[in-house]
């Protein structure tokens, strides 16, 4: 028994000595372990962030000029009550209608289709005809992207004017289907990377068009959104002479284009700054800025003489947080595969805003459920007051009868 007591006493002394050397016991040791874990997590996170930063192809800029939209957005079900018109392929982004009620739109697979009216004259519900497909002859596409992507469309008489994201601007004769390049991507300096939309003066002398970016093409447009650099431009083409004048530069994701009724001003969407600019058509000087609640896309004239502005992508807390910090956007781009970017877009909502002739907000049309309409890229109003909503992403248009 005595030997056992001596052995136990010796073990207690050894344990006490060990604790003395460590300087820790009980809670102290647990606290030290927690600190070590915290440092480990910090270095792991820091390492992953550093890796993303170094791998990123982006060099984001500060975006401290994004407005906080505070006006009342009156909710309704106008777009939700519409009718879907299936077009067979995604992306009927822009639309044009002829005097016979035929509607033309371009799709992501490069086709331009013609949607006939029904036998009773109802618009948008008749035969869907492939009208034009294939590369544009005589034009070297941007970054070798052979498959066209028709975006902005305008119709004047028997001539359809098309802005193609990879081929620039061309005309399509509606009778002969002859294609004629009008503005090639390298007709301006630096060359266009993302031709987007256009409008034409009433006398046909001038064409106003946007190039969203001189750096990123359509296939990489999320990079332009994340990087935040304002590389967009607005040009004016004199049709007779072919002269192209730069009206405005340093635009932030220059997008939709629409002339005012008197053609003294041209409205241009700045998508990544949530606003519409109204510029003097002669000088390019910004005369008015209208903030909108979501990212603006194409702009078209309303029957009241104002403007319809499509708002395909909304704001989210996550994206707003990213935009506050350029370093986070760079790390994000380095870590997240580009194919996953669309998952972060807040695009499950149908929305467009109506502006009056002076650029003031007067009304909205919504589909808060997204069941009928979402990712609205353009709103076309017909003479009888019906609305047609295009989409850059969905395989349908939406028709809303006269309200």
Protein backbone atom coordinates (compact mmCIF):
# COMPACT_ATOMS: atom_id res chain seq x y z
CA UNK A 1 0.00 0.00 0.00
CA UNK A 2 2.81 2.38 0.89
CA UNK A 3 4.48 1.77 -2.46
CA UNK A 4 1.21 2.51 -4.28
CA UNK A 5 0.82 5.86 -2.43
CA UNK A 6 4.37 6.87 -3.33
CA UNK A 7 3.75 6.00 -7.01
CA UNK A 8 0.54 8.12 -7.12
CA UNK A 9 2.26 11.08 -5.44
CA UNK A 10 5.06 10.90 -8.00
CA UNK A 11 2.55 10.91 -10.89
CA UNK A 12 0.75 13.93 -9.43
CA UNK A 13 4.06 15.80 -9.15
CA UNK A 14 4.91 14.96 -12.79
CA UNK A 15 1.52 16.23 -14.01
CA UNK A 16 1.86 19.43 -12.05
CA UNK A 17 5.33 19.96 -13.44
CA UNK A 18 4.03 19.44 -17.00
CA UNK A 19 1.29 22.01 -16.49
CA UNK A 20 3.82 24.41 -15.13
CA UNK A 21 5.98 24.07 -18.20
CA UNK A 22 2.99 24.64 -20.53
CA UNK A 23 1.75 27.51 -18.46
CA UNK A 24 -1.80 26.32 -19.12
CA UNK A 25 -4.40 24.26 -17.37
CA UNK A 26 -8.13 23.64 -17.88
CA UNK A 27 -9.82 26.74 -19.37
CA UNK A 28 -6.46 28.28 -20.26
CA UNK A 29 -5.59 25.38 -22.51
CA UNK A 30 -9.04 25.49 -24.16
CA UNK A 31 -8.69 29.20 -24.80
CA UNK A 32 -5.33 28.73 -26.43
CA UNK A 33 -6.79 26.01 -28.66
CA UNK A 34 -9.64 28.33 -29.77
CA UNK A 35 -7.17 31.06 -30.68
CA UNK A 36 -5.13 28.61 -32.71
CA UNK A 37 -8.26 27.50 -34.57
CA UNK A 38 -9.19 31.12 -35.21
CA UNK A 39 -5.76 31.84 -36.66
CA UNK A 40 -5.97 28.71 -38.76
CA UNK A 41 -9.35 29.74 -40.22
CA UNK A 42 -8.04 33.25 -40.84
CA UNK A 43 -5.00 32.01 -42.75
CA UNK A 44 -7.11 29.57 -44.78
CA UNK A 45 -9.58 32.29 -45.73
CA UNK A 46 -6.74 34.70 -46.44
CA UNK A 47 -5.02 32.10 -48.58
CA UNK A 48 -8.14 31.34 -50.59
CA UNK A 49 -8.76 35.06 -51.04
CA UNK A 50 -5.19 35.62 -52.16
CA UNK A 51 -5.51 32.77 -54.63
CA UNK A 52 -8.72 34.23 -56.08
CA UNK A 53 -7.15 37.67 -56.25
CA UNK A 54 -4.13 36.37 -58.17
CA UNK A 55 -6.18 34.21 -60.55
CA UNK A 56 -8.75 36.88 -61.39
CA UNK A 57 -8.85 38.30 -64.91
CA UNK A 58 -10.60 41.42 -63.60
CA UNK A 59 -9.21 44.68 -62.34
CA UNK A 60 -12.35 46.13 -60.73
CA UNK A 61 -12.76 49.83 -60.09
CA UNK A 62 -14.54 51.54 -57.24
CA UNK A 63 -18.27 51.96 -57.84
CA UNK A 64 -19.31 54.68 -55.44
CA UNK A 65 -21.78 56.36 -57.79
CA UNK A 66 -24.58 53.76 -57.68
CA UNK A 67 -27.72 55.56 -56.49
CA UNK A 68 -30.05 54.34 -53.76
CA UNK A 69 -33.51 54.28 -55.33
CA UNK A 70 -36.07 55.65 -52.85
CA UNK A 71 -39.18 56.44 -54.91
CA UNK A 72 -42.38 54.45 -54.43
CA UNK A 73 -42.64 51.50 -56.82
CA UNK A 74 -46.35 50.89 -57.28
CA UNK A 75 -46.96 47.15 -57.53
CA UNK A 76 -49.44 45.77 -60.07
CA UNK A 77 -50.09 42.60 -62.07
CA UNK A 78 -49.98 44.02 -65.59
CA UNK A 79 -47.25 41.73 -66.93
CA UNK A 80 -48.44 38.79 -64.86
CA UNK A 81 -51.80 38.97 -66.64
CA UNK A 82 -50.18 38.75 -70.06
CA UNK A 83 -49.92 35.80 -72.43
CA UNK A 84 -46.72 34.00 -73.31
CA UNK A 85 -45.76 33.68 -76.98
CA UNK A 86 -43.34 30.77 -77.34
CA UNK A 87 -40.69 31.41 -79.99
CA UNK A 88 -38.82 28.11 -79.85
CA UNK A 89 -35.43 29.43 -78.73
CA UNK A 90 -34.20 31.69 -75.95
CA UNK A 91 -33.55 35.37 -76.20
CA UNK A 92 -36.17 37.37 -78.16
CA UNK A 93 -34.39 40.49 -76.91
CA UNK A 94 -35.70 43.19 -79.25
CA UNK A 95 -38.74 43.48 -81.50
CA UNK A 96 -39.96 45.36 -84.55
CA UNK A 97 -43.38 45.33 -86.18
CA UNK A 98 -44.27 46.07 -89.81
CA UNK A 99 -47.40 47.66 -91.29
CA UNK A 100 -48.99 44.23 -91.78
CA UNK A 101 -48.65 43.25 -88.14
CA UNK A 102 -45.69 40.90 -88.57
CA UNK A 103 -43.34 40.93 -85.60
CA UNK A 104 -39.60 40.36 -86.02
CA UNK A 105 -37.19 39.38 -83.27
CA UNK A 106 -33.66 38.01 -82.97
CA UNK A 107 -32.74 34.91 -80.97
CA UNK A 108 -29.64 33.66 -79.20
CA UNK A 109 -29.02 30.96 -81.82
CA UNK A 110 -28.47 33.70 -84.43
CA UNK A 111 -31.82 33.54 -86.20
CA UNK A 112 -34.18 36.38 -86.94
CA UNK A 113 -37.74 35.11 -86.95
CA UNK A 114 -40.98 36.55 -88.30
CA UNK A 115 -44.17 36.02 -86.30
CA UNK A 116 -47.26 36.44 -88.45
CA UNK A 117 -50.61 37.62 -87.11
CA UNK A 118 -53.40 35.07 -86.89
CA UNK A 119 -56.00 34.66 -89.64
CA UNK A 120 -58.22 37.03 -87.67
CA UNK A 121 -55.45 39.63 -87.35
CA UNK A 122 -54.41 38.96 -83.76
CA UNK A 123 -50.81 40.01 -83.32
CA UNK A 124 -48.08 37.63 -82.26
CA UNK A 125 -50.00 34.36 -82.39
CA UNK A 126 -49.69 33.26 -86.02
CA UNK A 127 -47.11 31.27 -87.95
CA UNK A 128 -43.49 31.56 -86.75
CA UNK A 129 -41.16 31.72 -89.75
CA UNK A 130 -37.35 31.57 -89.86
CA UNK A 131 -36.55 34.80 -91.66
CA UNK A 132 -32.77 35.06 -91.57
CA UNK A 133 -29.88 32.96 -90.28
CA UNK A 134 -26.13 32.57 -90.70
CA UNK A 135 -22.99 34.75 -90.60
CA UNK A 136 -22.93 38.25 -92.05
CA UNK A 137 -20.96 38.22 -95.32
CA UNK A 138 -17.96 40.51 -95.59
CA UNK A 139 -17.59 41.06 -91.84
CA UNK A 140 -14.98 39.62 -89.48
CA UNK A 141 -16.89 38.79 -86.28
CA UNK A 142 -15.73 39.99 -82.89
CA UNK A 143 -13.29 37.53 -81.27
CA UNK A 144 -14.02 35.01 -84.02
CA UNK A 145 -17.57 34.42 -82.82
CA UNK A 146 -19.14 33.14 -86.04
CA UNK A 147 -22.69 32.59 -84.78
CA UNK A 148 -24.53 35.93 -84.90
CA UNK A 149 -26.49 37.38 -82.00
CA UNK A 150 -29.04 39.93 -83.21
CA UNK A 151 -29.87 42.43 -80.46
CA UNK A 152 -31.44 45.83 -81.20
CA UNK A 153 -33.89 45.95 -84.13
CA UNK A 154 -35.49 48.87 -85.97
CA UNK A 155 -37.71 48.79 -89.03
CA UNK A 156 -37.90 51.59 -91.59
CA UNK A 157 -40.06 50.82 -94.62
CA UNK A 158 -38.81 47.57 -96.13
CA UNK A 159 -35.43 47.72 -94.39
CA UNK A 160 -34.73 46.06 -91.06
CA UNK A 161 -31.78 47.57 -89.18
CA UNK A 162 -30.01 45.09 -86.92
CA UNK A 163 -27.35 45.54 -84.26
CA UNK A 164 -25.52 42.26 -83.93
CA UNK A 165 -23.39 41.72 -80.83
CA UNK A 166 -20.59 40.14 -82.91
CA UNK A 167 -20.97 41.65 -86.40
CA UNK A 168 -21.87 45.30 -85.79
CA UNK A 169 -24.77 46.92 -87.66
CA UNK A 170 -26.28 45.62 -90.88
CA UNK A 171 -29.46 46.07 -92.88
CA UNK A 172 -31.80 43.36 -94.09
CA UNK A 173 -34.04 43.98 -97.10
CA UNK A 174 -37.43 42.54 -96.16
CA UNK A 175 -38.36 41.77 -99.76
CA UNK A 176 -35.12 40.32 -101.12
CA UNK A 177 -33.52 39.33 -97.78
CA UNK A 178 -30.31 40.93 -98.99
CA UNK A 179 -27.88 41.71 -96.16
CA UNK A 180 -25.68 44.81 -96.26
CA UNK A 181 -23.09 45.64 -93.56
CA UNK A 182 -23.45 49.20 -92.33
CA UNK A 183 -21.02 49.54 -89.42
CA UNK A 184 -18.33 46.91 -88.85
CA UNK A 185 -16.80 46.40 -85.39
CA UNK A 186 -13.44 47.84 -86.46
CA UNK A 187 -14.94 50.92 -88.12
CA UNK A 188 -14.33 52.77 -84.84
CA UNK A 189 -11.24 53.08 -82.66
CA UNK A 190 -10.89 51.22 -80.41
CA UNK A 191 -12.93 48.51 -82.08
CA UNK A 192 -16.34 47.65 -80.73
CA UNK A 193 -16.52 44.59 -78.50
CA UNK A 194 -20.22 44.66 -77.72
CA UNK A 195 -22.50 46.52 -80.19
CA UNK A 196 -25.87 46.69 -78.50
CA UNK A 197 -28.74 48.91 -79.66
CA UNK A 198 -29.68 51.67 -82.11
CA UNK A 199 -32.26 54.23 -83.15
CA UNK A 200 -32.74 56.05 -86.45
CA UNK A 201 -33.78 59.64 -87.07
CA UNK A 202 -37.14 60.15 -88.79
CA UNK A 203 -35.50 61.38 -91.99
CA UNK A 204 -33.15 58.38 -92.02
CA UNK A 205 -30.04 60.57 -92.09
CA UNK A 206 -28.61 59.56 -88.73
CA UNK A 207 -28.25 56.35 -86.75
CA UNK A 208 -27.44 56.49 -83.05
CA UNK A 209 -25.93 53.32 -81.61
CA UNK A 210 -24.19 52.03 -78.50
CA UNK A 211 -21.13 49.90 -77.89
CA UNK A 212 -21.46 48.50 -74.39
CA UNK A 213 -17.75 47.87 -73.92
CA UNK A 214 -14.48 48.22 -75.76
CA UNK A 215 -13.06 45.36 -73.65
CA UNK A 216 -15.61 42.60 -73.04
CA UNK A 217 -17.83 40.94 -75.63
CA UNK A 218 -21.41 39.79 -75.07
CA UNK A 219 -20.32 36.30 -74.02
CA UNK A 220 -18.35 37.85 -71.14
CA UNK A 221 -20.73 40.64 -70.19
CA UNK A 222 -20.81 39.61 -66.52
CA UNK A 223 -17.14 40.56 -66.37
CA UNK A 224 -18.08 44.06 -67.50
CA UNK A 225 -20.77 44.19 -64.82
CA UNK A 226 -18.36 43.08 -62.08
CA UNK A 227 -15.38 45.13 -63.18
CA UNK A 228 -17.43 48.32 -63.10
CA UNK A 229 -15.23 50.26 -65.49
CA UNK A 230 -17.18 52.58 -67.77
CA UNK A 231 -16.04 51.62 -71.26
CA UNK A 232 -19.30 52.18 -73.15
CA UNK A 233 -19.80 54.64 -76.00
CA UNK A 234 -22.57 56.33 -77.97
CA UNK A 235 -21.98 56.98 -81.67
CA UNK A 236 -23.82 58.81 -84.44
CA UNK A 237 -23.55 57.54 -87.99
CA UNK A 238 -24.26 59.89 -90.89
CA UNK A 239 -25.80 57.40 -93.32
CA UNK A 240 -25.04 59.31 -96.53
CA UNK A 241 -21.33 59.83 -95.90
CA UNK A 242 -20.58 56.93 -93.56
CA UNK A 243 -19.02 59.30 -91.04
CA UNK A 244 -19.14 58.01 -87.47
CA UNK A 245 -18.97 60.56 -84.68
CA UNK A 246 -18.33 59.69 -81.06
CA UNK A 247 -21.04 61.50 -79.11
CA UNK A 248 -20.27 60.20 -75.62
CA UNK A 249 -17.69 57.94 -73.98
CA UNK A 250 -17.03 56.55 -70.51
CA UNK A 251 -20.60 55.28 -70.32
CA UNK A 252 -21.27 52.55 -67.77
CA UNK A 253 -22.50 49.51 -69.73
CA UNK A 254 -24.10 51.60 -72.49
CA UNK A 255 -27.24 49.75 -73.53
CA UNK A 256 -30.65 50.79 -74.91
CA UNK A 257 -31.07 53.79 -77.24
CA UNK A 258 -34.14 55.88 -78.01
CA UNK A 259 -34.55 59.32 -79.61
CA UNK A 260 -37.06 61.76 -78.16
CA UNK A 261 -40.05 62.79 -80.28
CA UNK A 262 -38.38 66.02 -81.41
CA UNK A 263 -35.00 64.25 -81.72
CA UNK A 264 -33.25 66.90 -79.69
CA UNK A 265 -32.27 64.31 -77.09
CA UNK A 266 -31.35 60.65 -77.07
CA UNK A 267 -32.01 58.39 -74.10
CA UNK A 268 -29.32 55.82 -73.23
CA UNK A 269 -29.40 53.16 -70.52
CA UNK A 270 -26.43 52.89 -68.19
CA UNK A 271 -27.11 49.39 -66.96
CA UNK A 272 -24.55 49.06 -64.16
CA UNK A 273 -25.43 52.45 -62.69
CA UNK A 274 -29.22 51.94 -62.63
CA UNK A 275 -29.99 55.05 -64.63
CA UNK A 276 -31.07 56.49 -67.96
CA UNK A 277 -29.14 59.39 -69.45
CA UNK A 278 -30.70 61.98 -71.73
CA UNK A 279 -28.06 63.48 -74.01
CA UNK A 280 -28.14 66.32 -76.52
CA UNK A 281 -28.06 64.75 -80.00
CA UNK A 282 -25.68 67.40 -81.32
CA UNK A 283 -23.18 67.76 -78.51
CA UNK A 284 -23.56 64.54 -76.54
CA UNK A 285 -23.86 66.54 -73.34
CA UNK A 286 -25.91 64.91 -70.56
CA UNK A 287 -28.97 67.07 -69.90
CA UNK A 288 -30.88 64.83 -67.50
CA UNK A 289 -30.36 61.68 -65.44
CA UNK A 290 -33.23 59.45 -64.33
CA UNK A 291 -32.52 56.82 -61.68
CA UNK A 292 -34.47 53.56 -61.98
CA UNK A 293 -34.92 50.72 -59.45
CA UNK A 294 -33.30 47.92 -61.48
CA UNK A 295 -30.75 47.47 -64.25
CA UNK A 296 -32.12 49.16 -67.41
CA UNK A 297 -31.93 47.49 -70.81
CA UNK A 298 -33.63 48.59 -74.05
CA UNK A 299 -35.65 51.77 -74.33
CA UNK A 300 -38.58 52.24 -76.69
CA UNK A 301 -41.11 54.99 -77.22
CA UNK A 302 -44.53 54.87 -75.58
CA UNK A 303 -47.73 55.84 -77.36
CA UNK A 304 -47.94 58.84 -75.00
CA UNK A 305 -44.70 60.25 -76.38
CA UNK A 306 -42.58 59.08 -73.48
CA UNK A 307 -40.36 56.05 -73.01
CA UNK A 308 -40.65 52.44 -71.92
CA UNK A 309 -37.52 51.22 -70.13
CA UNK A 310 -37.10 47.48 -69.60
CA UNK A 311 -35.61 46.42 -66.25
CA UNK A 312 -34.50 42.76 -66.54
CA UNK A 313 -32.21 42.37 -63.52
CA UNK A 314 -33.04 43.64 -60.06
CA UNK A 315 -30.85 44.54 -57.13
CA UNK A 316 -29.91 42.13 -54.36
CA UNK A 317 -28.12 42.54 -51.03
CA UNK A 318 -25.37 40.20 -52.20
CA UNK A 319 -24.64 42.13 -55.41
CA UNK A 320 -24.87 45.49 -53.63
CA UNK A 321 -22.35 44.20 -51.10
CA UNK A 322 -19.98 43.06 -53.85
CA UNK A 323 -20.20 46.41 -55.61
CA UNK A 324 -19.10 48.24 -52.48
CA UNK A 325 -15.71 46.54 -52.48
CA UNK A 326 -13.62 46.20 -55.61
CA UNK A 327 -11.29 43.68 -53.94
CA UNK A 328 -14.20 41.32 -53.26
CA UNK A 329 -15.27 41.49 -56.90
CA UNK A 330 -11.76 40.60 -57.98
CA UNK A 331 -11.59 37.64 -55.60
CA UNK A 332 -15.07 36.50 -56.62
CA UNK A 333 -14.09 36.50 -60.29
CA UNK A 334 -10.97 34.48 -59.51
CA UNK A 335 -12.76 31.79 -57.52
CA UNK A 336 -16.21 31.39 -59.06
CA UNK A 337 -16.49 29.80 -62.54
CA UNK A 338 -18.05 32.16 -65.07
CA UNK A 339 -20.76 29.61 -65.90
CA UNK A 340 -22.15 30.06 -62.38
CA UNK A 341 -22.50 33.84 -62.55
CA UNK A 342 -26.12 33.82 -63.79
CA UNK A 343 -27.15 32.10 -60.55
CA UNK A 344 -26.29 35.25 -58.64
CA UNK A 345 -28.47 37.51 -60.83
CA UNK A 346 -31.75 38.69 -59.35
CA UNK A 347 -33.78 38.00 -62.49
CA UNK A 348 -36.93 36.16 -61.40
CA UNK A 349 -39.13 39.25 -61.68
CA UNK A 350 -40.87 40.97 -64.61
CA UNK A 351 -40.56 44.76 -64.56
CA UNK A 352 -40.52 47.82 -66.81
CA UNK A 353 -40.92 51.52 -66.11
CA UNK A 354 -42.66 54.21 -68.14
CA UNK A 355 -41.12 57.69 -68.36
CA UNK A 356 -42.81 60.80 -69.69
CA UNK A 357 -41.34 62.91 -72.50
CA UNK A 358 -39.21 64.77 -69.95
CA UNK A 359 -37.75 61.58 -68.50
CA UNK A 360 -39.80 61.48 -65.29
CA UNK A 361 -41.20 58.19 -63.96
CA UNK A 362 -44.97 57.94 -64.39
CA UNK A 363 -45.82 54.23 -64.07
CA UNK A 364 -44.60 50.65 -63.79
CA UNK A 365 -45.70 47.29 -65.11
CA UNK A 366 -44.91 44.23 -62.99
CA UNK A 367 -44.96 40.50 -62.71
CA UNK A 368 -43.83 40.04 -59.13
CA UNK A 369 -44.32 36.28 -59.38
CA UNK A 370 -42.27 35.75 -62.54
CA UNK A 371 -44.84 33.16 -63.61
CA UNK A 372 -45.63 34.93 -66.88
CA UNK A 373 -42.81 37.38 -67.50
CA UNK A 374 -39.24 37.87 -66.30
CA UNK A 375 -35.90 39.21 -67.53
CA UNK A 376 -37.73 41.83 -69.60
CA UNK A 377 -35.23 43.24 -72.11
CA UNK A 378 -37.59 45.46 -74.11
CA UNK A 379 -41.18 46.68 -74.01
CA UNK A 380 -42.77 47.45 -77.37
CA UNK A 381 -46.10 49.25 -77.42
CA UNK A 382 -48.25 48.88 -80.52
CA UNK A 383 -50.53 51.54 -81.96
CA UNK A 384 -53.58 49.96 -80.33
CA UNK A 385 -51.90 50.07 -76.90
CA UNK A 386 -50.90 46.41 -76.56
CA UNK A 387 -47.56 45.68 -74.94
CA UNK A 388 -45.02 43.09 -76.05
CA UNK A 389 -42.25 42.21 -73.60
CA UNK A 390 -39.06 40.66 -74.95
CA UNK A 391 -36.51 38.75 -72.90
CA UNK A 392 -32.76 38.28 -73.29
CA UNK A 393 -32.94 34.93 -71.50
CA UNK A 394 -36.35 33.26 -71.82
CA UNK A 395 -37.79 31.32 -74.82
CA UNK A 396 -40.86 33.52 -75.09
CA UNK A 397 -42.26 37.00 -75.44
CA UNK A 398 -45.21 38.21 -73.40
CA UNK A 399 -48.23 39.97 -74.87
CA UNK A 400 -50.42 42.23 -72.74
CA UNK A 401 -53.65 43.47 -74.30
CA UNK A 402 -54.48 47.16 -74.15
CA UNK A 403 -54.78 48.20 -70.50
